């Protein structure tokens, strides 16, 4: 499942959660429930906004690999790389 960041303008907090792409969170209370955190003094019906950005997904078997990136295997040609 993807990771998302949400910002709450009411308390200026940024919270990172994991949920299905089809799921939408709309309030501080929903976000806190998903993240497993206390709502604190912020009203549960306070609005939140999903932050737009890039999410990088890495497979655990690729972390710390000594083999190097696959692009190293492509022969270098004038002006860049060429895949055979």
PDB file of N, CA and C in Angstrom:
ATOM      1  N   UNK A   1       0.839  -1.184   0.000  1.00  0.00           N
ATOM      2  CA  UNK A   1       0.000   0.000   0.000  1.00  0.00           C
ATOM      3  C   UNK A   1       0.882   1.245   0.000  1.00  0.00           C
ATOM      4  N   UNK A   2       0.421   2.299  -0.649  1.00  0.00           N
ATOM      5  CA  UNK A   2       1.207   3.532  -0.727  1.00  0.00           C
ATOM      6  C   UNK A   2       1.208   4.325   0.581  1.00  0.00           C
ATOM      7  N   UNK A   3       2.193   5.170   0.696  1.00  0.00           N
ATOM      8  CA  UNK A   3       2.335   6.068   1.834  1.00  0.00           C
ATOM      9  C   UNK A   3       1.898   7.466   1.407  1.00  0.00           C
ATOM     10  N   UNK A   4       1.124   8.131   2.268  1.00  0.00           N
ATOM     11  CA  UNK A   4       0.633   9.474   1.982  1.00  0.00           C
ATOM     12  C   UNK A   4       0.957  10.405   3.133  1.00  0.00           C
ATOM     13  N   UNK A   5       1.132  11.683   2.815  1.00  0.00           N
ATOM     14  CA  UNK A   5       1.312  12.712   3.824  1.00  0.00           C
ATOM     15  C   UNK A   5       0.088  13.623   3.800  1.00  0.00           C
ATOM     16  N   UNK A   6      -0.412  13.936   4.979  1.00  0.00           N
ATOM     17  CA  UNK A   6      -1.546  14.851   5.115  1.00  0.00           C
ATOM     18  C   UNK A   6      -1.130  16.007   6.012  1.00  0.00           C
ATOM     19  N   UNK A   7      -1.633  17.187   5.675  1.00  0.00           N
ATOM     20  CA  UNK A   7      -1.380  18.383   6.467  1.00  0.00           C
ATOM     21  C   UNK A   7      -2.701  18.868   7.053  1.00  0.00           C
ATOM     22  N   UNK A   8      -2.665  19.229   8.324  1.00  0.00           N
ATOM     23  CA  UNK A   8      -3.833  19.798   8.992  1.00  0.00           C
ATOM     24  C   UNK A   8      -3.565  21.282   9.220  1.00  0.00           C
ATOM     25  N   UNK A   9      -4.256  22.169   8.504  1.00  0.00           N
ATOM     26  CA  UNK A   9      -4.044  23.603   8.692  1.00  0.00           C
ATOM     27  C   UNK A   9      -4.410  24.089  10.097  1.00  0.00           C
ATOM     28  N   UNK A  10      -5.325  23.413  10.771  1.00  0.00           N
ATOM     29  CA  UNK A  10      -5.756  23.839  12.103  1.00  0.00           C
ATOM     30  C   UNK A  10      -4.648  23.749  13.143  1.00  0.00           C
ATOM     31  N   UNK A  11      -3.760  22.754  12.999  1.00  0.00           N
ATOM     32  CA  UNK A  11      -2.672  22.603  13.974  1.00  0.00           C
ATOM     33  C   UNK A  11      -1.290  22.603  13.324  1.00  0.00           C
ATOM     34  N   UNK A  12      -1.270  22.759  12.008  1.00  0.00           N
ATOM     35  CA  UNK A  12      -0.029  22.807  11.218  1.00  0.00           C
ATOM     36  C   UNK A  12       0.807  21.541  11.366  1.00  0.00           C
ATOM     37  N   UNK A  13       0.158  20.403  11.606  1.00  0.00           N
ATOM     38  CA  UNK A  13       0.872  19.128  11.717  1.00  0.00           C
ATOM     39  C   UNK A  13       0.864  18.398  10.386  1.00  0.00           C
ATOM     40  N   UNK A  14       1.930  17.679  10.130  1.00  0.00           N
ATOM     41  CA  UNK A  14       2.071  16.829   8.959  1.00  0.00           C
ATOM     42  C   UNK A  14       2.136  15.392   9.459  1.00  0.00           C
ATOM     43  N   UNK A  15       1.237  14.541   8.949  1.00  0.00           N
ATOM     44  CA  UNK A  15       1.152  13.158   9.412  1.00  0.00           C
ATOM     45  C   UNK A  15       1.278  12.230   8.203  1.00  0.00           C
ATOM     46  N   UNK A  16       2.109  11.214   8.337  1.00  0.00           N
ATOM     47  CA  UNK A  16       2.304  10.220   7.279  1.00  0.00           C
ATOM     48  C   UNK A  16       1.558   8.949   7.647  1.00  0.00           C
ATOM     49  N   UNK A  17       0.767   8.443   6.692  1.00  0.00           N
ATOM     50  CA  UNK A  17      -0.003   7.218   6.904  1.00  0.00           C
ATOM     51  C   UNK A  17       0.073   6.331   5.668  1.00  0.00           C
ATOM     52  N   UNK A  18      -0.250   5.069   5.872  1.00  0.00           N
ATOM     53  CA  UNK A  18      -0.322   4.097   4.783  1.00  0.00           C
ATOM     54  C   UNK A  18      -1.780   3.696   4.631  1.00  0.00           C
ATOM     55  N   UNK A  19      -2.286   3.759   3.389  1.00  0.00           N
ATOM     56  CA  UNK A  19      -3.638   3.288   3.131  1.00  0.00           C
ATOM     57  C   UNK A  19      -3.809   2.970   1.652  1.00  0.00           C
ATOM     58  N   UNK A  20      -4.895   2.298   1.334  1.00  0.00           N
ATOM     59  CA  UNK A  20      -5.187   1.926  -0.052  1.00  0.00           C
ATOM     60  C   UNK A  20      -5.387   3.173  -0.899  1.00  0.00           C
ATOM     61  N   UNK A  21      -5.066   3.064  -2.175  1.00  0.00           N
ATOM     62  CA  UNK A  21      -5.233   4.190  -3.091  1.00  0.00           C
ATOM     63  C   UNK A  21      -6.690   4.624  -3.186  1.00  0.00           C
ATOM     64  N   UNK A  22      -7.610   3.694  -3.060  1.00  0.00           N
ATOM     65  CA  UNK A  22      -9.033   4.006  -3.186  1.00  0.00           C
ATOM     66  C   UNK A  22      -9.600   4.684  -1.937  1.00  0.00           C
ATOM     67  N   UNK A  23      -8.852   4.677  -0.846  1.00  0.00           N
ATOM     68  CA  UNK A  23      -9.337   5.262   0.401  1.00  0.00           C
ATOM     69  C   UNK A  23      -9.032   6.757   0.440  1.00  0.00           C
ATOM     70  N   UNK A  24      -9.988   7.534   0.938  1.00  0.00           N
ATOM     71  CA  UNK A  24      -9.801   8.973   1.105  1.00  0.00           C
ATOM     72  C   UNK A  24     -10.025   9.346   2.557  1.00  0.00           C
ATOM     73  N   UNK A  25      -9.143  10.162   3.088  1.00  0.00           N
ATOM     74  CA  UNK A  25      -9.296  10.696   4.435  1.00  0.00           C
ATOM     75  C   UNK A  25      -9.650  12.175   4.298  1.00  0.00           C
ATOM     76  N   UNK A  26     -10.605  12.639   5.094  1.00  0.00           N
ATOM     77  CA  UNK A  26     -11.088  14.011   4.940  1.00  0.00           C
ATOM     78  C   UNK A  26     -10.975  14.851   6.201  1.00  0.00           C
ATOM     79  N   UNK A  27     -10.874  14.225   7.368  1.00  0.00           N
ATOM     80  CA  UNK A  27     -10.871  14.980   8.616  1.00  0.00           C
ATOM     81  C   UNK A  27      -9.697  14.575   9.496  1.00  0.00           C
ATOM     82  N   UNK A  28      -9.401  15.455  10.461  1.00  0.00           N
ATOM     83  CA  UNK A  28      -8.338  15.188  11.414  1.00  0.00           C
ATOM     84  C   UNK A  28      -8.619  13.918  12.212  1.00  0.00           C
ATOM     85  N   UNK A  29      -9.875  13.696  12.565  1.00  0.00           N
ATOM     86  CA  UNK A  29     -10.241  12.496  13.314  1.00  0.00           C
ATOM     87  C   UNK A  29      -9.980  11.225  12.520  1.00  0.00           C
ATOM     88  N   UNK A  30     -10.322  11.227  11.226  1.00  0.00           N
ATOM     89  CA  UNK A  30     -10.059  10.062  10.370  1.00  0.00           C
ATOM     90  C   UNK A  30      -8.554   9.813  10.253  1.00  0.00           C
ATOM     91  N   UNK A  31      -7.801  10.894  10.089  1.00  0.00           N
ATOM     92  CA  UNK A  31      -6.349  10.773   9.951  1.00  0.00           C
ATOM     93  C   UNK A  31      -5.711  10.229  11.230  1.00  0.00           C
ATOM     94  N   UNK A  32      -6.139  10.751  12.365  1.00  0.00           N
ATOM     95  CA  UNK A  32      -5.590  10.279  13.642  1.00  0.00           C
ATOM     96  C   UNK A  32      -5.922   8.808  13.875  1.00  0.00           C
ATOM     97  N   UNK A  33      -7.141   8.414  13.521  1.00  0.00           N
ATOM     98  CA  UNK A  33      -7.533   7.013  13.677  1.00  0.00           C
ATOM     99  C   UNK A  33      -6.658   6.116  12.803  1.00  0.00           C
ATOM    100  N   UNK A  34      -6.417   6.533  11.563  1.00  0.00           N
ATOM    101  CA  UNK A  34      -5.595   5.742  10.640  1.00  0.00           C
ATOM    102  C   UNK A  34      -4.142   5.686  11.127  1.00  0.00           C
ATOM    103  N   UNK A  35      -3.631   6.807  11.650  1.00  0.00           N
ATOM    104  CA  UNK A  35      -2.235   6.870  12.095  1.00  0.00           C
ATOM    105  C   UNK A  35      -2.037   6.299  13.496  1.00  0.00           C
ATOM    106  N   UNK A  36      -3.135   6.113  14.233  1.00  0.00           N
ATOM    107  CA  UNK A  36      -3.024   5.605  15.591  1.00  0.00           C
ATOM    108  C   UNK A  36      -2.470   6.633  16.562  1.00  0.00           C
ATOM    109  N   UNK A  37      -2.818   7.906  16.339  1.00  0.00           N
ATOM    110  CA  UNK A  37      -2.341   8.970  17.222  1.00  0.00           C
ATOM    111  C   UNK A  37      -3.530   9.664  17.875  1.00  0.00           C
ATOM    112  N   UNK A  38      -3.259  10.371  18.963  1.00  0.00           N
ATOM    113  CA  UNK A  38      -4.282  11.114  19.687  1.00  0.00           C
ATOM    114  C   UNK A  38      -4.597  12.407  18.942  1.00  0.00           C
ATOM    115  N   UNK A  39      -5.865  12.780  18.905  1.00  0.00           N
ATOM    116  CA  UNK A  39      -6.285  14.001  18.211  1.00  0.00           C
ATOM    117  C   UNK A  39      -5.867  15.266  18.952  1.00  0.00           C
ATOM    118  N   UNK A  40      -5.572  15.138  20.215  1.00  0.00           N
ATOM    119  CA  UNK A  40      -5.172  16.300  20.997  1.00  0.00           C
ATOM    120  C   UNK A  40      -6.294  17.310  21.097  1.00  0.00           C
ATOM    121  N   UNK A  41      -5.958  18.594  21.057  1.00  0.00           N
ATOM    122  CA  UNK A  41      -6.936  19.671  21.171  1.00  0.00           C
ATOM    123  C   UNK A  41      -7.593  20.022  19.842  1.00  0.00           C
ATOM    124  N   UNK A  42      -7.115  19.447  18.732  1.00  0.00           N
ATOM    125  CA  UNK A  42      -7.664  19.759  17.417  1.00  0.00           C
ATOM    126  C   UNK A  42      -9.016  19.065  17.243  1.00  0.00           C
ATOM    127  N   UNK A  43     -10.033  19.799  16.785  1.00  0.00           N
ATOM    128  CA  UNK A  43     -11.343  19.175  16.579  1.00  0.00           C
ATOM    129  C   UNK A  43     -11.260  18.011  15.582  1.00  0.00           C
ATOM    130  N   UNK A  44     -11.981  16.942  15.857  1.00  0.00           N
ATOM    131  CA  UNK A  44     -11.948  15.763  14.985  1.00  0.00           C
ATOM    132  C   UNK A  44     -12.496  16.063  13.597  1.00  0.00           C
ATOM    133  N   UNK A  45     -13.322  17.107  13.461  1.00  0.00           N
ATOM    134  CA  UNK A  45     -13.883  17.439  12.157  1.00  0.00           C
ATOM    135  C   UNK A  45     -13.062  18.484  11.396  1.00  0.00           C
ATOM    136  N   UNK A  46     -11.857  18.818  11.912  1.00  0.00           N
ATOM    137  CA  UNK A  46     -10.978  19.763  11.214  1.00  0.00           C
ATOM    138  C   UNK A  46     -10.566  19.169   9.874  1.00  0.00           C
ATOM    139  N   UNK A  47     -10.497  20.021   8.861  1.00  0.00           N
ATOM    140  CA  UNK A  47     -10.150  19.542   7.521  1.00  0.00           C
ATOM    141  C   UNK A  47      -8.658  19.241   7.422  1.00  0.00           C
ATOM    142  N   UNK A  48      -8.325  18.348   6.506  1.00  0.00           N
ATOM    143  CA  UNK A  48      -6.939  17.990   6.215  1.00  0.00           C
ATOM    144  C   UNK A  48      -6.742  18.035   4.713  1.00  0.00           C
ATOM    145  N   UNK A  49      -5.509  18.098   4.277  1.00  0.00           N
ATOM    146  CA  UNK A  49      -5.198  18.115   2.851  1.00  0.00           C
ATOM    147  C   UNK A  49      -4.090  17.119   2.567  1.00  0.00           C
ATOM    148  N   UNK A  50      -4.298  16.298   1.549  1.00  0.00           N
ATOM    149  CA  UNK A  50      -3.268  15.348   1.125  1.00  0.00           C
ATOM    150  C   UNK A  50      -2.181  16.134   0.406  1.00  0.00           C
ATOM    151  N   UNK A  51      -0.951  15.911   0.796  1.00  0.00           N
ATOM    152  CA  UNK A  51       0.172  16.590   0.149  1.00  0.00           C
ATOM    153  C   UNK A  51       0.509  15.858  -1.132  1.00  0.00           C
ATOM    154  N   UNK A  52       0.737  16.613  -2.160  1.00  0.00           N
ATOM    155  CA  UNK A  52       1.087  16.042  -3.461  1.00  0.00           C
ATOM    156  C   UNK A  52       2.610  15.962  -3.549  1.00  0.00           C
ATOM    157  N   UNK A  53       3.092  14.842  -4.017  1.00  0.00           N
ATOM    158  CA  UNK A  53       4.531  14.657  -4.151  1.00  0.00           C
ATOM    159  C   UNK A  53       4.822  13.265  -4.675  1.00  0.00           C
ATOM    160  N   UNK A  54       6.074  12.952  -4.717  1.00  0.00           N
ATOM    161  CA  UNK A  54       6.499  11.636  -5.191  1.00  0.00           C
ATOM    162  C   UNK A  54       6.635  10.697  -4.017  1.00  0.00           C
ATOM    163  N   UNK A  55       6.135   9.484  -4.208  1.00  0.00           N
ATOM    164  CA  UNK A  55       6.328   8.427  -3.224  1.00  0.00           C
ATOM    165  C   UNK A  55       7.227   7.384  -3.858  1.00  0.00           C
ATOM    166  N   UNK A  56       8.279   7.033  -3.174  1.00  0.00           N
ATOM    167  CA  UNK A  56       9.209   6.041  -3.691  1.00  0.00           C
ATOM    168  C   UNK A  56       8.931   4.720  -2.996  1.00  0.00           C
ATOM    169  N   UNK A  57       8.704   3.703  -3.800  1.00  0.00           N
ATOM    170  CA  UNK A  57       8.446   2.373  -3.273  1.00  0.00           C
ATOM    171  C   UNK A  57       9.650   1.505  -3.603  1.00  0.00           C
ATOM    172  N   UNK A  58      10.240   0.926  -2.582  1.00  0.00           N
ATOM    173  CA  UNK A  58      11.396   0.061  -2.777  1.00  0.00           C
ATOM    174  C   UNK A  58      11.077  -1.315  -2.216  1.00  0.00           C
ATOM    175  N   UNK A  59      11.490  -2.333  -2.948  1.00  0.00           N
ATOM    176  CA  UNK A  59      11.336  -3.690  -2.452  1.00  0.00           C
ATOM    177  C   UNK A  59      12.475  -3.966  -1.476  1.00  0.00           C
ATOM    178  N   UNK A  60      12.171  -4.668  -0.405  1.00  0.00           N
ATOM    179  CA  UNK A  60      13.166  -4.917   0.621  1.00  0.00           C
ATOM    180  C   UNK A  60      14.362  -5.711   0.094  1.00  0.00           C
ATOM    181  N   UNK A  61      14.165  -6.532  -0.935  1.00  0.00           N
ATOM    182  CA  UNK A  61      15.287  -7.314  -1.451  1.00  0.00           C
ATOM    183  C   UNK A  61      16.224  -6.475  -2.323  1.00  0.00           C
ATOM    184  N   UNK A  62      15.871  -5.216  -2.608  1.00  0.00           N
ATOM    185  CA  UNK A  62      16.751  -4.337  -3.383  1.00  0.00           C
ATOM    186  C   UNK A  62      17.570  -3.410  -2.493  1.00  0.00           C
ATOM    187  N   UNK A  63      17.269  -3.358  -1.206  1.00  0.00           N
ATOM    188  CA  UNK A  63      17.971  -2.450  -0.323  1.00  0.00           C
ATOM    189  C   UNK A  63      19.357  -2.988   0.004  1.00  0.00           C
ATOM    190  N   UNK A  64      20.363  -2.154  -0.136  1.00  0.00           N
ATOM    191  CA  UNK A  64      21.726  -2.553   0.203  1.00  0.00           C
ATOM    192  C   UNK A  64      22.356  -3.514  -0.786  1.00  0.00           C
ATOM    193  N   UNK A  65      21.840  -3.577  -1.994  1.00  0.00           N
ATOM    194  CA  UNK A  65      22.359  -4.493  -3.004  1.00  0.00           C
ATOM    195  C   UNK A  65      23.707  -4.008  -3.535  1.00  0.00           C
ATOM    196  N   UNK A  66      24.663  -4.920  -3.698  1.00  0.00           N
ATOM    197  CA  UNK A  66      25.982  -4.570  -4.225  1.00  0.00           C
ATOM    198  C   UNK A  66      26.027  -4.573  -5.749  1.00  0.00           C
ATOM    199  N   UNK A  67      24.980  -5.062  -6.400  1.00  0.00           N
ATOM    200  CA  UNK A  67      25.012  -5.249  -7.845  1.00  0.00           C
ATOM    201  C   UNK A  67      24.981  -3.937  -8.613  1.00  0.00           C
ATOM    202  N   UNK A  68      24.491  -2.862  -8.020  1.00  0.00           N
ATOM    203  CA  UNK A  68      24.397  -1.597  -8.729  1.00  0.00           C
ATOM    204  C   UNK A  68      23.104  -1.526  -9.517  1.00  0.00           C
ATOM    205  N   UNK A  69      22.773  -0.363 -10.004  1.00  0.00           N
ATOM    206  CA  UNK A  69      21.518  -0.205 -10.726  1.00  0.00           C
ATOM    207  C   UNK A  69      21.549  -0.914 -12.073  1.00  0.00           C
ATOM    208  N   UNK A  70      20.393  -1.333 -12.586  1.00  0.00           N
ATOM    209  CA  UNK A  70      20.343  -2.045 -13.861  1.00  0.00           C
ATOM    210  C   UNK A  70      20.906  -1.241 -15.019  1.00  0.00           C
ATOM    211  N   UNK A  71      20.865   0.078 -14.954  1.00  0.00           N
ATOM    212  CA  UNK A  71      21.358   0.900 -16.053  1.00  0.00           C
ATOM    213  C   UNK A  71      22.849   0.670 -16.305  1.00  0.00           C
ATOM    214  N   UNK A  72      23.608   0.227 -15.279  1.00  0.00           N
ATOM    215  CA  UNK A  72      25.038  -0.049 -15.455  1.00  0.00           C
ATOM    216  C   UNK A  72      25.284  -1.169 -16.453  1.00  0.00           C
ATOM    217  N   UNK A  73      24.283  -1.992 -16.693  1.00  0.00           N
ATOM    218  CA  UNK A  73      24.447  -3.132 -17.592  1.00  0.00           C
ATOM    219  C   UNK A  73      24.250  -2.744 -19.058  1.00  0.00           C
ATOM    220  N   UNK A  74      23.702  -1.559 -19.311  1.00  0.00           N
ATOM    221  CA  UNK A  74      23.453  -1.141 -20.687  1.00  0.00           C
ATOM    222  C   UNK A  74      24.726  -0.554 -21.278  1.00  0.00           C
ATOM    223  N   UNK A  75      25.031  -0.887 -22.545  1.00  0.00           N
ATOM    224  CA  UNK A  75      26.238  -0.339 -23.172  1.00  0.00           C
ATOM    225  C   UNK A  75      26.078   1.157 -23.419  1.00  0.00           C
ATOM    226  N   UNK A  76      27.151   1.909 -23.219  1.00  0.00           N
ATOM    227  CA  UNK A  76      27.140   3.345 -23.423  1.00  0.00           C
ATOM    228  C   UNK A  76      27.299   3.644 -24.904  1.00  0.00           C
ATOM    229  N   UNK A  77      26.435   4.502 -25.432  1.00  0.00           N
ATOM    230  CA  UNK A  77      26.561   4.939 -26.815  1.00  0.00           C
ATOM    231  C   UNK A  77      26.629   6.462 -26.813  1.00  0.00           C
ATOM    232  N   UNK A  78      26.991   7.052 -27.931  1.00  0.00           N
ATOM    233  CA  UNK A  78      27.089   8.484 -28.024  1.00  0.00           C
ATOM    234  C   UNK A  78      25.765   9.138 -27.663  1.00  0.00           C
ATOM    235  N   UNK A  79      25.792  10.012 -26.699  1.00  0.00           N
ATOM    236  CA  UNK A  79      24.594  10.736 -26.294  1.00  0.00           C
ATOM    237  C   UNK A  79      23.796  10.051 -25.191  1.00  0.00           C
ATOM    238  N   UNK A  80      24.204   8.904 -24.717  1.00  0.00           N
ATOM    239  CA  UNK A  80      23.462   8.292 -23.622  1.00  0.00           C
ATOM    240  C   UNK A  80      23.528   6.783 -23.628  1.00  0.00           C
ATOM    241  N   UNK A  81      22.585   6.179 -22.941  1.00  0.00           N
ATOM    242  CA  UNK A  81      22.543   4.733 -22.809  1.00  0.00           C
ATOM    243  C   UNK A  81      21.614   4.142 -23.853  1.00  0.00           C
ATOM    244  N   UNK A  82      21.924   2.921 -24.254  1.00  0.00           N
ATOM    245  CA  UNK A  82      21.096   2.218 -25.222  1.00  0.00           C
ATOM    246  C   UNK A  82      20.837   0.812 -24.710  1.00  0.00           C
ATOM    247  N   UNK A  83      19.576   0.460 -24.590  1.00  0.00           N
ATOM    248  CA  UNK A  83      19.231  -0.908 -24.163  1.00  0.00           C
ATOM    249  C   UNK A  83      19.181  -1.813 -25.381  1.00  0.00           C
ATOM    250  N   UNK A  84      19.752  -2.986 -25.261  1.00  0.00           N
ATOM    251  CA  UNK A  84      19.758  -3.914 -26.395  1.00  0.00           C
ATOM    252  C   UNK A  84      18.504  -4.724 -26.461  1.00  0.00           C
TER     253      UNK A  84
END
